[in-house]
């Protein structure tokens, strides 16, 4: 049984080693920002609500459609 393609295999394996489930590790490793070095992505506060919503959707945060910008930021930081 083969698994779906992973965009960032190294990150996927590292996340699994840290105890993440296969599903969550795959979601993170396949996200748009996967593999970016720290400090290159804009801080959450500088992003639009739409950008935050899209990222929350990408990683599967539930209830995101009812969240305001600050709630999205908190949910992303605590995910």
Protein backbone atom coordinates (compact mmCIF):
# COMPACT_ATOMS: atom_id res chain seq x y z
CA UNK A 1 0.00 0.00 0.00
CA UNK A 2 1.63 3.24 -1.10
CA UNK A 3 1.05 6.63 0.43
CA UNK A 4 0.33 9.87 -1.42
CA UNK A 5 3.21 12.02 -2.61
CA UNK A 6 4.86 14.23 0.02
CA UNK A 7 6.28 17.57 -1.18
CA UNK A 8 8.89 17.82 1.58
CA UNK A 9 9.91 14.28 2.53
CA UNK A 10 12.63 15.41 4.95
CA UNK A 11 10.20 17.60 6.92
CA UNK A 12 7.57 14.82 6.87
CA UNK A 13 9.98 12.32 8.41
CA UNK A 14 11.20 14.85 11.00
CA UNK A 15 7.62 15.61 12.05
CA UNK A 16 6.81 11.90 12.39
CA UNK A 17 9.96 11.50 14.53
CA UNK A 18 8.63 14.30 16.75
CA UNK A 19 5.42 12.34 17.33
CA UNK A 20 3.08 13.90 14.76
CA UNK A 21 0.54 11.57 13.15
CA UNK A 22 1.18 10.59 9.54
CA UNK A 23 -1.83 12.66 8.46
CA UNK A 24 -0.76 15.82 10.29
CA UNK A 25 2.88 15.45 9.23
CA UNK A 26 1.76 15.09 5.60
CA UNK A 27 -0.50 18.18 5.81
CA UNK A 28 2.35 20.29 7.18
CA UNK A 29 4.98 18.90 4.78
CA UNK A 30 2.66 19.56 1.83
CA UNK A 31 1.72 23.11 2.85
CA UNK A 32 2.85 26.08 0.73
CA UNK A 33 5.32 27.29 3.35
CA UNK A 34 6.82 23.84 3.81
CA UNK A 35 10.58 23.93 4.09
CA UNK A 36 10.92 27.70 4.35
CA UNK A 37 13.60 28.74 6.76
CA UNK A 38 12.43 30.67 9.79
CA UNK A 39 12.18 34.42 9.48
CA UNK A 40 11.21 34.44 5.80
CA UNK A 41 7.45 34.22 6.27
CA UNK A 42 5.61 37.38 7.30
CA UNK A 43 4.51 37.50 10.93
CA UNK A 44 0.86 36.55 11.36
CA UNK A 45 -0.01 40.13 12.35
CA UNK A 46 1.19 41.40 8.95
CA UNK A 47 -0.94 38.94 6.99
CA UNK A 48 -4.50 39.52 5.84
CA UNK A 49 -7.39 37.67 7.42
CA UNK A 50 -7.80 35.83 4.10
CA UNK A 51 -4.16 34.65 4.17
CA UNK A 52 -4.60 33.44 7.74
CA UNK A 53 -7.87 31.72 6.87
CA UNK A 54 -6.25 29.94 3.90
CA UNK A 55 -3.40 28.70 6.08
CA UNK A 56 -5.85 27.54 8.76
CA UNK A 57 -7.83 25.70 6.08
CA UNK A 58 -4.66 24.10 4.71
CA UNK A 59 -3.75 22.59 8.07
CA UNK A 60 -7.30 21.67 9.05
CA UNK A 61 -8.21 24.08 11.86
CA UNK A 62 -11.89 23.61 12.61
CA UNK A 63 -14.20 26.55 13.22
CA UNK A 64 -12.01 28.91 11.18
CA UNK A 65 -14.93 30.40 9.23
CA UNK A 66 -16.30 31.96 12.42
CA UNK A 67 -12.95 33.30 13.65
CA UNK A 68 -11.79 36.89 13.45
CA UNK A 69 -8.18 37.72 12.57
CA UNK A 70 -6.90 37.53 16.15
CA UNK A 71 -8.62 34.19 16.75
CA UNK A 72 -7.09 32.80 13.56
CA UNK A 73 -3.65 33.94 14.73
CA UNK A 74 -4.12 32.23 18.10
CA UNK A 75 -5.41 29.04 16.47
CA UNK A 76 -2.44 28.92 14.09
CA UNK A 77 0.05 29.50 16.88
CA UNK A 78 -1.51 26.80 19.05
CA UNK A 79 -1.89 24.21 16.31
